[in-house]
C-alpha atoms as a PDB file:
ATOM      1  CA  MET A   1     169.817 -76.797  64.115  1.00  0.00           C
ATOM      2  CA  SER A   2     168.283 -79.766  65.908  1.00  0.00           C
ATOM      3  CA  LYS A   3     169.216 -83.411  65.691  1.00  0.00           C
ATOM      4  CA  SER A   4     166.807 -86.333  65.901  1.00  0.00           C
ATOM      5  CA  LYS A   5     167.430 -90.000  66.654  1.00  0.00           C
ATOM      6  CA  LEU A   6     165.607 -92.385  64.306  1.00  0.00           C
ATOM      7  CA  GLU A   7     165.608 -95.998  65.446  1.00  0.00           C
ATOM      8  CA  TYR A   8     165.223 -98.144  62.328  1.00  0.00           C
ATOM      9  CA  ILE A   9     163.599-101.472  63.288  1.00  0.00           C
ATOM     10  CA  TRP A  10     163.456-104.568  61.106  1.00  0.00           C
ATOM     11  CA  LEU A  11     163.054-108.351  61.162  1.00  0.00           C
ATOM     12  CA  ASP A  12     166.101-110.501  60.535  1.00  0.00           C
ATOM     13  CA  GLY A  13     166.444-113.898  58.860  1.00  0.00           C
ATOM     14  CA  THR A  14     166.776-116.036  61.986  1.00  0.00           C
ATOM     15  CA  GLU A  15     165.026-119.393  61.661  1.00  0.00           C
ATOM     16  CA  PRO A  16     162.600-120.744  62.676  1.00  0.00           C
ATOM     17  CA  THR A  17     161.589-117.460  64.362  1.00  0.00           C
ATOM     18  CA  GLN A  18     162.660-114.062  63.059  1.00  0.00           C
ATOM     19  CA  GLN A  19     164.129-111.658  65.590  1.00  0.00           C
ATOM     20  CA  LEU A  20     164.045-107.884  65.953  1.00  0.00           C
ATOM     21  CA  ARG A  21     167.051-105.795  64.958  1.00  0.00           C
ATOM     22  CA  SER A  22     167.525-102.040  65.116  1.00  0.00           C
ATOM     23  CA  LYS A  23     170.056 -99.272  64.679  1.00  0.00           C
ATOM     24  CA  THR A  24     170.012 -95.496  65.077  1.00  0.00           C
ATOM     25  CA  LYS A  25     170.287 -92.862  62.350  1.00  0.00           C
ATOM     26  CA  ILE A  26     170.867 -89.203  63.275  1.00  0.00           C
ATOM     27  CA  LEU A  27     169.119 -86.620  61.087  1.00  0.00           C
ATOM     28  CA  LYS A  28     169.355 -82.847  61.227  1.00  0.00           C
ATOM     29  CA  ASP A  29     166.165 -80.772  61.364  1.00  0.00           C
ATOM     30  CA  PHE A  30     163.969 -83.841  60.847  1.00  0.00           C
ATOM     31  CA  SER A  31     160.300 -83.053  60.203  1.00  0.00           C
ATOM     32  CA  GLY A  32     158.919 -86.131  61.962  1.00  0.00           C
ATOM     33  CA  ASP A  33     157.150 -87.281  58.793  1.00  0.00           C
ATOM     34  CA  LEU A  34     157.476 -90.778  57.361  1.00  0.00           C
ATOM     35  CA  ALA A  35     158.027 -89.313  53.896  1.00  0.00           C
ATOM     36  CA  ASP A  36     161.223 -87.685  55.152  1.00  0.00           C
ATOM     37  CA  CYS A  37     162.717 -90.921  56.490  1.00  0.00           C
ATOM     38  CA  PRO A  38     165.401 -91.959  54.013  1.00  0.00           C
ATOM     39  CA  MET A  39     165.995 -95.471  52.800  1.00  0.00           C
ATOM     40  CA  TRP A  40     168.886 -97.076  54.649  1.00  0.00           C
ATOM     41  CA  SER A  41     170.923-100.257  54.380  1.00  0.00           C
ATOM     42  CA  PHE A  42     172.508-102.874  56.615  1.00  0.00           C
ATOM     43  CA  ASP A  43     174.840-105.852  56.495  1.00  0.00           C
ATOM     44  CA  GLY A  44     172.553-108.754  55.678  1.00  0.00           C
ATOM     45  CA  SER A  45     175.388-111.250  56.124  1.00  0.00           C
ATOM     46  CA  SER A  46     175.233-110.525  59.868  1.00  0.00           C
ATOM     47  CA  THR A  47     171.460-111.085  60.095  1.00  0.00           C
ATOM     48  CA  ASN A  48     171.078-114.295  58.049  1.00  0.00           C
ATOM     49  CA  GLN A  49     169.684-112.309  55.112  1.00  0.00           C
ATOM     50  CA  ALA A  50     172.592-112.169  52.641  1.00  0.00           C
ATOM     51  CA  SER A  51     175.987-113.610  51.859  1.00  0.00           C
ATOM     52  CA  GLY A  52     179.226-111.851  52.636  1.00  0.00           C
ATOM     53  CA  GLY A  53     179.971-111.374  48.967  1.00  0.00           C
ATOM     54  CA  ALA A  54     176.748-109.421  48.362  1.00  0.00           C
ATOM     55  CA  SER A  55     175.735-108.323  51.821  1.00  0.00           C
ATOM     56  CA  ASP A  56     173.748-105.116  51.326  1.00  0.00           C
ATOM     57  CA  CYS A  57     170.037-105.189  52.191  1.00  0.00           C
ATOM     58  CA  LEU A  58     167.759-102.166  52.195  1.00  0.00           C
ATOM     59  CA  LEU A  59     165.494-100.768  54.910  1.00  0.00           C
ATOM     60  CA  LYS A  60     162.317 -99.159  53.607  1.00  0.00           C
ATOM     61  CA  PRO A  61     160.526 -97.038  56.251  1.00  0.00           C
ATOM     62  CA  VAL A  62     156.831 -97.975  56.469  1.00  0.00           C
ATOM     63  CA  ALA A  63     155.644 -96.488  59.780  1.00  0.00           C
ATOM     64  CA  ILE A  64     156.911 -93.918  62.273  1.00  0.00           C
ATOM     65  CA  TYR A  65     156.077 -93.278  65.924  1.00  0.00           C
ATOM     66  CA  PRO A  66     157.517 -90.920  68.545  1.00  0.00           C
ATOM     67  CA  ASP A  67     159.964 -92.688  70.846  1.00  0.00           C
ATOM     68  CA  PRO A  68     158.893 -91.659  74.365  1.00  0.00           C
ATOM     69  CA  ASP A  69     161.893 -93.285  76.045  1.00  0.00           C
ATOM     70  CA  ARG A  70     164.589 -91.256  74.273  1.00  0.00           C
ATOM     71  CA  ARG A  71     165.055 -87.522  73.756  1.00  0.00           C
ATOM     72  CA  ASN A  72     164.322 -86.144  70.284  1.00  0.00           C
ATOM     73  CA  ALA A  73     163.686 -89.625  68.984  1.00  0.00           C
ATOM     74  CA  PHE A  74     161.440 -91.676  66.715  1.00  0.00           C
ATOM     75  CA  LEU A  75     160.733 -95.358  66.139  1.00  0.00           C
ATOM     76  CA  VAL A  76     160.810 -96.227  62.438  1.00  0.00           C
ATOM     77  CA  MET A  77     159.386 -99.598  61.446  1.00  0.00           C
ATOM     78  CA  THR A  78     160.876-100.784  58.181  1.00  0.00           C
ATOM     79  CA  GLU A  79     160.539-103.670  55.780  1.00  0.00           C
ATOM     80  CA  VAL A  80     163.548-105.378  54.252  1.00  0.00           C
ATOM     81  CA  LEU A  81     164.249-105.146  50.526  1.00  0.00           C
ATOM     82  CA  SER A  82     166.929-106.877  48.514  1.00  0.00           C
ATOM     83  CA  ALA A  83     169.595-104.709  46.919  1.00  0.00           C
ATOM     84  CA  ASP A  84     167.519-104.496  43.710  1.00  0.00           C
ATOM     85  CA  GLY A  85     164.583-102.966  45.602  1.00  0.00           C
ATOM     86  CA  THR A  86     162.332-106.033  45.574  1.00  0.00           C
ATOM     87  CA  PRO A  87     160.871-107.472  48.804  1.00  0.00           C
ATOM     88  CA  HIS A  88     163.339-109.749  50.564  1.00  0.00           C
ATOM     89  CA  ALA A  89     162.341-113.375  51.127  1.00  0.00           C
ATOM     90  CA  THR A  90     162.058-112.601  54.860  1.00  0.00           C
ATOM     91  CA  ASN A  91     159.618-109.731  54.245  1.00  0.00           C
ATOM     92  CA  GLY A  92     156.214-110.993  55.409  1.00  0.00           C
ATOM     93  CA  ARG A  93     154.669-107.524  55.264  1.00  0.00           C
ATOM     94  CA  ALA A  94     154.911-107.505  51.483  1.00  0.00           C
ATOM     95  CA  THR A  95     152.678-110.606  51.242  1.00  0.00           C
ATOM     96  CA  ILE A  96     149.564-108.905  52.701  1.00  0.00           C
ATOM     97  CA  ASP A  97     146.793-108.449  50.103  1.00  0.00           C
ATOM     98  CA  ASP A  98     144.682-105.721  51.697  1.00  0.00           C
ATOM     99  CA  ASP A  99     145.335-102.418  49.970  1.00  0.00           C
ATOM    100  CA  ASP A 100     141.963-100.964  51.020  1.00  0.00           C
ATOM    101  CA  ASN A 101     142.388-101.922  54.704  1.00  0.00           C
ATOM    102  CA  ASP A 102     138.984-103.629  54.669  1.00  0.00           C
ATOM    103  CA  PHE A 103     140.321-106.160  57.162  1.00  0.00           C
ATOM    104  CA  TRP A 104     140.576-105.137  60.805  1.00  0.00           C
ATOM    105  CA  PHE A 105     142.779-107.028  63.258  1.00  0.00           C
ATOM    106  CA  GLY A 106     143.014-107.273  67.012  1.00  0.00           C
ATOM    107  CA  PHE A 107     145.992-109.265  68.272  1.00  0.00           C
ATOM    108  CA  GLU A 108     146.238-110.559  71.845  1.00  0.00           C
ATOM    109  CA  GLN A 109     149.964-110.862  72.512  1.00  0.00           C
ATOM    110  CA  GLU A 110     150.892-113.195  75.384  1.00  0.00           C
ATOM    111  CA  TYR A 111     154.440-113.555  76.686  1.00  0.00           C
ATOM    112  CA  PHE A 112     156.517-114.601  79.692  1.00  0.00           C
ATOM    113  CA  LEU A 113     158.994-112.442  81.594  1.00  0.00           C
ATOM    114  CA  ILE A 114     162.083-114.508  82.375  1.00  0.00           C
ATOM    115  CA  ASP A 115     164.599-114.110  85.188  1.00  0.00           C
ATOM    116  CA  PRO A 116     168.033-114.733  83.562  1.00  0.00           C
ATOM    117  CA  ALA A 117     169.428-115.916  86.895  1.00  0.00           C
ATOM    118  CA  THR A 118     167.093-118.913  86.952  1.00  0.00           C
ATOM    119  CA  ASN A 119     165.970-119.061  83.300  1.00  0.00           C
ATOM    120  CA  LEU A 120     162.445-119.362  84.716  1.00  0.00           C
ATOM    121  CA  PRO A 121     159.466-116.992  84.613  1.00  0.00           C
ATOM    122  CA  LEU A 122     159.268-114.289  87.248  1.00  0.00           C
ATOM    123  CA  GLY A 123     157.502-115.709  90.302  1.00  0.00           C
ATOM    124  CA  PHE A 124     158.968-119.193  89.916  1.00  0.00           C
ATOM    125  CA  PRO A 125     161.232-120.392  92.757  1.00  0.00           C
ATOM    126  CA  HIS A 126     164.784-121.458  91.939  1.00  0.00           C
ATOM    127  CA  ASN A 127     163.808-125.093  92.371  1.00  0.00           C
ATOM    128  CA  GLY A 128     160.380-126.443  91.506  1.00  0.00           C
ATOM    129  CA  TYR A 129     157.193-124.574  90.741  1.00  0.00           C
ATOM    130  CA  PRO A 130     154.960-121.996  92.405  1.00  0.00           C
ATOM    131  CA  ALA A 131     151.370-122.809  93.346  1.00  0.00           C
ATOM    132  CA  PRO A 132     149.351-124.306  90.439  1.00  0.00           C
ATOM    133  CA  GLN A 133     147.470-122.176  87.931  1.00  0.00           C
ATOM    134  CA  GLY A 134     144.414-120.428  89.236  1.00  0.00           C
ATOM    135  CA  PRO A 135     145.364-117.301  91.181  1.00  0.00           C
ATOM    136  CA  TYR A 136     147.522-115.611  88.525  1.00  0.00           C
ATOM    137  CA  TYR A 137     145.030-114.653  85.794  1.00  0.00           C
ATOM    138  CA  CYS A 138     144.170-110.938  86.093  1.00  0.00           C
ATOM    139  CA  SER A 139     145.736-111.071  89.544  1.00  0.00           C
ATOM    140  CA  VAL A 140     146.897-108.363  91.895  1.00  0.00           C
ATOM    141  CA  GLY A 141     149.301-108.551  94.823  1.00  0.00           C
ATOM    142  CA  GLY A 142     152.875-109.651  95.403  1.00  0.00           C
ATOM    143  CA  LYS A 143     151.947-113.315  95.842  1.00  0.00           C
ATOM    144  CA  ASN A 144     150.446-113.651  92.372  1.00  0.00           C
ATOM    145  CA  ALA A 145     151.556-110.806  90.076  1.00  0.00           C
ATOM    146  CA  PHE A 146     155.209-110.618  89.045  1.00  0.00           C
ATOM    147  CA  GLY A 147     156.843-107.909  86.936  1.00  0.00           C
ATOM    148  CA  ARG A 148     154.045-105.366  87.070  1.00  0.00           C
ATOM    149  CA  GLU A 149     156.457-102.420  87.052  1.00  0.00           C
ATOM    150  CA  ILE A 150     157.732-103.632  83.661  1.00  0.00           C
ATOM    151  CA  ILE A 151     154.371-104.106  82.009  1.00  0.00           C
ATOM    152  CA  GLU A 152     153.022-100.806  83.394  1.00  0.00           C
ATOM    153  CA  GLU A 153     156.000 -98.911  81.997  1.00  0.00           C
ATOM    154  CA  HIS A 154     155.568-100.725  78.700  1.00  0.00           C
ATOM    155  CA  LEU A 155     151.891 -99.751  78.582  1.00  0.00           C
ATOM    156  CA  ASP A 156     152.722 -96.076  79.108  1.00  0.00           C
ATOM    157  CA  LEU A 157     155.396 -96.196  76.412  1.00  0.00           C
ATOM    158  CA  CYS A 158     152.984 -97.755  73.917  1.00  0.00           C
ATOM    159  CA  ILE A 159     150.360 -95.107  74.630  1.00  0.00           C
ATOM    160  CA  ASP A 160     152.876 -92.267  74.401  1.00  0.00           C
ATOM    161  CA  ALA A 161     154.209 -93.710  71.130  1.00  0.00           C
ATOM    162  CA  GLY A 162     150.722 -93.512  69.648  1.00  0.00           C
ATOM    163  CA  LEU A 163     150.162 -97.251  69.372  1.00  0.00           C
ATOM    164  CA  ASN A 164     146.546 -98.330  69.564  1.00  0.00           C
ATOM    165  CA  ILE A 165     147.051-100.583  72.566  1.00  0.00           C
ATOM    166  CA  GLU A 166     143.673-101.553  74.017  1.00  0.00           C
ATOM    167  CA  GLY A 167     144.591-103.232  77.279  1.00  0.00           C
ATOM    168  CA  ILE A 168     146.879-105.415  79.361  1.00  0.00           C
ATOM    169  CA  ASN A 169     146.357-108.193  81.889  1.00  0.00           C
ATOM    170  CA  ALA A 170     148.179-110.813  83.884  1.00  0.00           C
ATOM    171  CA  GLU A 171     147.748-114.203  82.263  1.00  0.00           C
ATOM    172  CA  VAL A 172     147.069-117.739  83.487  1.00  0.00           C
ATOM    173  CA  ALA A 173     150.628-118.661  84.489  1.00  0.00           C
ATOM    174  CA  ALA A 174     152.932-116.900  86.936  1.00  0.00           C
ATOM    175  CA  GLY A 175     155.131-114.375  85.142  1.00  0.00           C
ATOM    176  CA  GLN A 176     152.889-114.423  82.067  1.00  0.00           C
ATOM    177  CA  TRP A 177     151.284-111.245  80.697  1.00  0.00           C
ATOM    178  CA  GLU A 178     149.317-110.024  77.695  1.00  0.00           C
ATOM    179  CA  PHE A 179     148.732-106.830  75.752  1.00  0.00           C
ATOM    180  CA  GLN A 180     146.219-106.186  72.989  1.00  0.00           C
ATOM    181  CA  ILE A 181     146.621-104.107  69.821  1.00  0.00           C
ATOM    182  CA  PHE A 182     143.868-103.173  67.351  1.00  0.00           C
ATOM    183  CA  ALA A 183     144.359-101.644  63.907  1.00  0.00           C
ATOM    184  CA  LYS A 184     142.584-101.325  60.590  1.00  0.00           C
ATOM    185  CA  GLY A 185     144.623-103.132  57.957  1.00  0.00           C
ATOM    186  CA  GLY A 186     146.977-106.070  58.336  1.00  0.00           C
ATOM    187  CA  LYS A 187     150.048-103.981  57.633  1.00  0.00           C
ATOM    188  CA  ASP A 188     149.229-101.368  60.271  1.00  0.00           C
ATOM    189  CA  ALA A 189     148.365-104.073  62.810  1.00  0.00           C
ATOM    190  CA  GLY A 190     151.642-105.848  62.128  1.00  0.00           C
ATOM    191  CA  ASP A 191     153.628-102.612  62.359  1.00  0.00           C
ATOM    192  CA  GLN A 192     152.115-101.833  65.746  1.00  0.00           C
ATOM    193  CA  ILE A 193     152.596-105.322  67.188  1.00  0.00           C
ATOM    194  CA  TRP A 194     156.242-105.358  66.164  1.00  0.00           C
ATOM    195  CA  VAL A 195     156.908-101.892  67.572  1.00  0.00           C
ATOM    196  CA  ALA A 196     155.105-102.865  70.788  1.00  0.00           C
ATOM    197  CA  ARG A 197     157.269-105.988  70.977  1.00  0.00           C
ATOM    198  CA  TYR A 198     160.345-103.836  70.426  1.00  0.00           C
ATOM    199  CA  LEU A 199     159.371-101.496  73.268  1.00  0.00           C
ATOM    200  CA  LEU A 200     158.681-104.503  75.494  1.00  0.00           C
ATOM    201  CA  GLU A 201     162.093-106.013  74.769  1.00  0.00           C
ATOM    202  CA  ARG A 202     163.855-102.711  75.417  1.00  0.00           C
ATOM    203  CA  THR A 203     161.933-102.101  78.652  1.00  0.00           C
ATOM    204  CA  ALA A 204     162.602-105.603  79.970  1.00  0.00           C
ATOM    205  CA  GLU A 205     166.263-105.161  79.044  1.00  0.00           C
ATOM    206  CA  LYS A 206     166.414-102.134  81.342  1.00  0.00           C
ATOM    207  CA  TYR A 207     165.084-104.210  84.240  1.00  0.00           C
ATOM    208  CA  GLY A 208     167.503-107.051  83.598  1.00  0.00           C
ATOM    209  CA  VAL A 209     164.885-109.586  82.506  1.00  0.00           C
ATOM    210  CA  SER A 210     164.101-111.119  79.126  1.00  0.00           C
ATOM    211  CA  VAL A 211     160.929-111.638  77.125  1.00  0.00           C
ATOM    212  CA  ASP A 212     160.063-115.192  76.063  1.00  0.00           C
ATOM    213  CA  LEU A 213     157.686-115.572  73.109  1.00  0.00           C
ATOM    214  CA  HIS A 214     158.064-119.361  72.884  1.00  0.00           C
ATOM    215  CA  PRO A 215     154.547-120.877  72.715  1.00  0.00           C
ATOM    216  CA  LYS A 216     155.325-123.435  75.426  1.00  0.00           C
ATOM    217  CA  PRO A 217     158.381-122.274  77.376  1.00  0.00           C
ATOM    218  CA  LEU A 218     157.661-124.577  80.319  1.00  0.00           C
ATOM    219  CA  GLY A 219     157.618-127.691  78.171  1.00  0.00           C
ATOM    220  CA  ASP A 220     155.306-130.631  78.738  1.00  0.00           C
ATOM    221  CA  THR A 221     153.817-129.374  81.988  1.00  0.00           C
ATOM    222  CA  ASP A 222     150.367-128.349  83.150  1.00  0.00           C
ATOM    223  CA  TRP A 223     151.193-124.681  82.643  1.00  0.00           C
ATOM    224  CA  ASN A 224     149.521-122.774  79.820  1.00  0.00           C
ATOM    225  CA  GLY A 225     151.456-121.829  76.736  1.00  0.00           C
ATOM    226  CA  SER A 226     151.443-118.407  75.086  1.00  0.00           C
ATOM    227  CA  GLY A 227     149.427-117.426  72.039  1.00  0.00           C
ATOM    228  CA  MET A 228     148.743-114.406  69.897  1.00  0.00           C
ATOM    229  CA  HIS A 229     145.026-114.828  69.296  1.00  0.00           C
ATOM    230  CA  CYS A 230     144.011-113.135  66.059  1.00  0.00           C
ATOM    231  CA  ASN A 231     140.656-111.341  66.084  1.00  0.00           C
ATOM    232  CA  PHE A 232     139.664-110.333  62.577  1.00  0.00           C
ATOM    233  CA  SER A 233     136.818-108.928  60.530  1.00  0.00           C
ATOM    234  CA  ASN A 234     136.049-107.495  57.129  1.00  0.00           C
ATOM    235  CA  THR A 235     132.974-105.736  55.808  1.00  0.00           C
ATOM    236  CA  ALA A 236     131.229-109.056  55.192  1.00  0.00           C
ATOM    237  CA  LEU A 237     131.697-110.149  58.820  1.00  0.00           C
ATOM    238  CA  ARG A 238     130.879-106.730  60.228  1.00  0.00           C
ATOM    239  CA  THR A 239     127.596-106.490  58.295  1.00  0.00           C
ATOM    240  CA  ALA A 240     126.585-110.151  57.771  1.00  0.00           C
ATOM    241  CA  GLY A 241     123.395-110.292  59.813  1.00  0.00           C
ATOM    242  CA  ASN A 242     123.104-114.070  59.550  1.00  0.00           C
ATOM    243  CA  LYS A 243     124.818-117.252  60.713  1.00  0.00           C
ATOM    244  CA  GLU A 244     125.260-118.603  57.182  1.00  0.00           C
ATOM    245  CA  VAL A 245     127.927-116.024  56.310  1.00  0.00           C
ATOM    246  CA  TYR A 246     129.904-116.924  59.424  1.00  0.00           C
ATOM    247  CA  ASP A 247     129.631-120.651  58.720  1.00  0.00           C
ATOM    248  CA  LYS A 248     130.843-120.147  55.159  1.00  0.00           C
ATOM    249  CA  ILE A 249     133.836-118.075  56.223  1.00  0.00           C
ATOM    250  CA  CYS A 250     134.765-120.483  59.016  1.00  0.00           C
ATOM    251  CA  GLU A 251     134.493-123.405  56.608  1.00  0.00           C
ATOM    252  CA  ALA A 252     136.909-121.606  54.284  1.00  0.00           C
ATOM    253  CA  PHE A 253     139.605-122.343  56.889  1.00  0.00           C
ATOM    254  CA  ALA A 254     138.818-126.090  56.906  1.00  0.00           C
ATOM    255  CA  PRO A 255     140.477-127.419  53.700  1.00  0.00           C
ATOM    256  CA  ALA A 256     143.728-129.241  54.339  1.00  0.00           C
ATOM    257  CA  GLU A 257     145.775-126.853  52.223  1.00  0.00           C
ATOM    258  CA  ILE A 258     144.439-123.843  54.133  1.00  0.00           C
ATOM    259  CA  ILE A 259     145.101-125.499  57.490  1.00  0.00           C
ATOM    260  CA  GLU A 260     148.658-126.250  56.352  1.00  0.00           C
ATOM    261  CA  ALA A 261     149.152-122.668  55.153  1.00  0.00           C
ATOM    262  CA  CYS A 262     147.921-121.301  58.472  1.00  0.00           C
ATOM    263  CA  ILE A 263     149.916-123.610  60.718  1.00  0.00           C
ATOM    264  CA  SER A 264     153.068-122.980  58.670  1.00  0.00           C
ATOM    265  CA  VAL A 265     153.062-119.303  59.748  1.00  0.00           C
ATOM    266  CA  TYR A 266     151.359-119.554  63.140  1.00  0.00           C
ATOM    267  CA  GLY A 267     154.651-119.952  64.992  1.00  0.00           C
ATOM    268  CA  ALA A 268     157.467-122.451  65.490  1.00  0.00           C
ATOM    269  CA  TYR A 269     156.963-125.133  68.164  1.00  0.00           C
ATOM    270  CA  ASN A 270     153.233-124.444  68.149  1.00  0.00           C
ATOM    271  CA  ASP A 271     152.617-128.202  68.234  1.00  0.00           C
ATOM    272  CA  GLN A 272     153.750-128.075  71.872  1.00  0.00           C
ATOM    273  CA  ARG A 273     150.942-125.611  72.611  1.00  0.00           C
ATOM    274  CA  LEU A 274     148.118-126.807  70.346  1.00  0.00           C
ATOM    275  CA  THR A 275     147.469-130.071  72.139  1.00  0.00           C
ATOM    276  CA  GLY A 276     143.733-129.917  72.772  1.00  0.00           C
ATOM    277  CA  LYS A 277     144.426-128.898  76.373  1.00  0.00           C
ATOM    278  CA  HIS A 278     144.687-125.529  78.083  1.00  0.00           C
ATOM    279  CA  GLU A 279     142.019-123.854  75.937  1.00  0.00           C
ATOM    280  CA  THR A 280     143.385-125.023  72.584  1.00  0.00           C
ATOM    281  CA  GLN A 281     142.300-127.317  69.773  1.00  0.00           C
ATOM    282  CA  SER A 282     144.772-129.984  68.638  1.00  0.00           C
ATOM    283  CA  ILE A 283     147.095-128.863  65.869  1.00  0.00           C
ATOM    284  CA  ASP A 284     145.926-131.722  63.615  1.00  0.00           C
ATOM    285  CA  LYS A 285     142.232-130.833  63.930  1.00  0.00           C
ATOM    286  CA  PHE A 286     140.055-127.926  62.855  1.00  0.00           C
ATOM    287  CA  SER A 287     136.876-126.761  64.543  1.00  0.00           C
ATOM    288  CA  TYR A 288     134.851-123.636  65.163  1.00  0.00           C
ATOM    289  CA  GLY A 289     132.094-122.782  67.574  1.00  0.00           C
ATOM    290  CA  ILE A 290     130.270-120.070  69.443  1.00  0.00           C
ATOM    291  CA  SER A 291     132.120-118.968  72.585  1.00  0.00           C
ATOM    292  CA  ASP A 292     134.345-122.087  72.326  1.00  0.00           C
ATOM    293  CA  ARG A 293     137.870-121.411  73.557  1.00  0.00           C
ATOM    294  CA  GLY A 294     138.792-124.996  72.754  1.00  0.00           C
ATOM    295  CA  ALA A 295     138.064-124.470  69.069  1.00  0.00           C
ATOM    296  CA  SER A 296     140.455-123.432  66.311  1.00  0.00           C
ATOM    297  CA  ILE A 297     138.218-120.450  65.552  1.00  0.00           C
ATOM    298  CA  ARG A 298     135.902-118.972  68.152  1.00  0.00           C
ATOM    299  CA  ILE A 299     132.755-117.069  67.231  1.00  0.00           C
ATOM    300  CA  PRO A 300     132.490-114.479  70.021  1.00  0.00           C
ATOM    301  CA  ILE A 301     129.173-114.383  71.838  1.00  0.00           C
ATOM    302  CA  ALA A 302     129.131-110.613  71.298  1.00  0.00           C
ATOM    303  CA  THR A 303     128.992-111.217  67.547  1.00  0.00           C
ATOM    304  CA  VAL A 304     125.960-113.469  67.911  1.00  0.00           C
ATOM    305  CA  GLU A 305     124.175-111.128  70.304  1.00  0.00           C
ATOM    306  CA  ASN A 306     124.804-108.268  67.852  1.00  0.00           C
ATOM    307  CA  GLY A 307     122.762-110.047  65.207  1.00  0.00           C
ATOM    308  CA  TRP A 308     125.685-111.895  63.610  1.00  0.00           C
ATOM    309  CA  LYS A 309     127.588-108.684  62.945  1.00  0.00           C
ATOM    310  CA  GLY A 310     131.120-108.636  64.340  1.00  0.00           C
ATOM    311  CA  TRP A 311     134.318-110.631  64.129  1.00  0.00           C
ATOM    312  CA  LEU A 312     136.007-114.013  64.501  1.00  0.00           C
ATOM    313  CA  GLU A 313     138.932-115.127  66.652  1.00  0.00           C
ATOM    314  CA  ASP A 314     141.549-117.527  65.334  1.00  0.00           C
ATOM    315  CA  ARG A 315     143.018-118.986  68.520  1.00  0.00           C
ATOM    316  CA  ARG A 316     145.799-120.943  66.852  1.00  0.00           C
ATOM    317  CA  PRO A 317     148.563-118.332  66.262  1.00  0.00           C
ATOM    318  CA  ALA A 318     151.386-118.721  68.772  1.00  0.00           C
ATOM    319  CA  SER A 319     152.992-115.897  70.708  1.00  0.00           C
ATOM    320  CA  ASN A 320     156.065-116.005  68.443  1.00  0.00           C
ATOM    321  CA  ALA A 321     154.116-115.788  65.162  1.00  0.00           C
ATOM    322  CA  ASP A 322     154.769-112.957  62.728  1.00  0.00           C
ATOM    323  CA  PRO A 323     151.577-110.835  62.682  1.00  0.00           C
ATOM    324  CA  TYR A 324     152.275-109.844  59.076  1.00  0.00           C
ATOM    325  CA  LYS A 325     152.219-113.467  57.944  1.00  0.00           C
ATOM    326  CA  VAL A 326     149.209-114.270  60.125  1.00  0.00           C
ATOM    327  CA  SER A 327     147.271-111.369  58.587  1.00  0.00           C
ATOM    328  CA  ALA A 328     148.244-112.445  55.079  1.00  0.00           C
ATOM    329  CA  VAL A 329     147.011-116.025  55.447  1.00  0.00           C
ATOM    330  CA  VAL A 330     143.800-115.000  57.257  1.00  0.00           C
ATOM    331  CA  ILE A 331     142.967-112.500  54.518  1.00  0.00           C
ATOM    332  CA  LYS A 332     143.595-115.130  51.849  1.00  0.00           C
ATOM    333  CA  ALA A 333     141.362-117.681  53.580  1.00  0.00           C
ATOM    334  CA  VAL A 334     138.507-115.238  54.125  1.00  0.00           C
ATOM    335  CA  LYS A 335     138.656-114.032  50.526  1.00  0.00           C
ATOM    336  CA  SER A 336     138.474-117.647  49.327  1.00  0.00           C
ATOM    337  CA  ALA A 337     135.000-117.884  50.882  1.00  0.00           C
ATOM    338  CA  ASP A 338     133.846-115.343  48.271  1.00  0.00           C
ATOM    339  CA  VAL A 339     131.103-113.952  50.487  1.00  0.00           C
ATOM    340  CA  ALA A 340     129.063-111.048  49.146  1.00  0.00           C
ATOM    341  CA  VAL A 341     128.830-107.930  51.302  1.00  0.00           C
ATOM    342  CA  ALA A 342     125.403-107.301  52.785  1.00  0.00           C
ATOM    343  CA  GLY A 343     123.397-104.297  51.705  1.00  0.00           C
END
C-alpha cells in the first residue's frame, strides 16, 4: 500500500487581490488521475469566503500535476464552490466562456523578489537605490542579476511538473524577473499560471524571500512596474490574412464599457503602473498599434510579417491580475467583434 500527498490549491476571498491557499490530503494507492481526486472542503470563514455560521466551501479538482519538490506528491488545482455545489462568487474560472478551447493564451508573468530584512527588492541597498535601470534586463553577473538560484530552481520545478513554461528572463528593474506560460484554453492557461505562482511562492519561501506581485511596488519612482501581458489568439486571428480583421477585433476593446470591464479585472493598483510611462498606455486611454509597447494592445510585428496571421498582446493586465478573469474578459471582447473565420 502506497500513500500519496495531494496538495489542494485554491484562491481565497482576500480583497482587492485574491491570495493562494493550500492544504494536503493523503490518499492510499492513488492512481494519479484527476478523476480520482475527491471533492474536499475547507473553512471559508477563515479565507473571507463564508460566515462562521455556514462556513463550509467546496474544493473541486480541475487540474493535476506531479509535485517535483515532494515525495509521492501531486499539485491539485481546484476551483471553489459554495456548499450547494454552485460556483462561489470568488470563482473566476467559472466565468470563462471557451468550452472548445479555441482561444490560446500566453501570459508573461513579471514579479519582484523581496528581501524581508529590508522590504526592498533583491539587489537594492538598505538605504537608497542601486544604479538606474538599464543593466538589469536579461542581465547576467552578480552586479546586475539577483536571485537567480531561486528562479532557476523554479524553472526546473515548473518543467518537472509538466507546466508549459516557455521561458524566463531578468526584467528591467533590479530584483525583477519574468516567466512565460502558454496554453490552449483560458482555463488551462489560468490553471498553469496559478500553479506556477504557487511553486514560485513555495520556492521563495525556502530561500527566505517573498514574491511581490504588486504592479508598482516601488511607488512613484522611475522604476518599472510589473505586468502580466496577455498574448491571445483565436481561429479568426490565427487565420485572418488581412489587417481589417485585426482592426475590427482591436476596436472591439475600445467601447467604454469594455474598457471598464477589462480594467476592473486587470489588477488592483494598476493605475500606479498604467501611467503612459515605462512602456504603458495611460489607464484612462485606449490605443493599439503595430509593435507599439506604449499601446494598450500591441500587434506583434511577427503577426504582420506572417501575413496578418497570429495573435495580439494586451499589455494592460497587472502582475497581480487573476488570469482566469483576464481570459474571461478578453474572450468576451473578441467574441463581441463577431468576426467570421477565414476559409
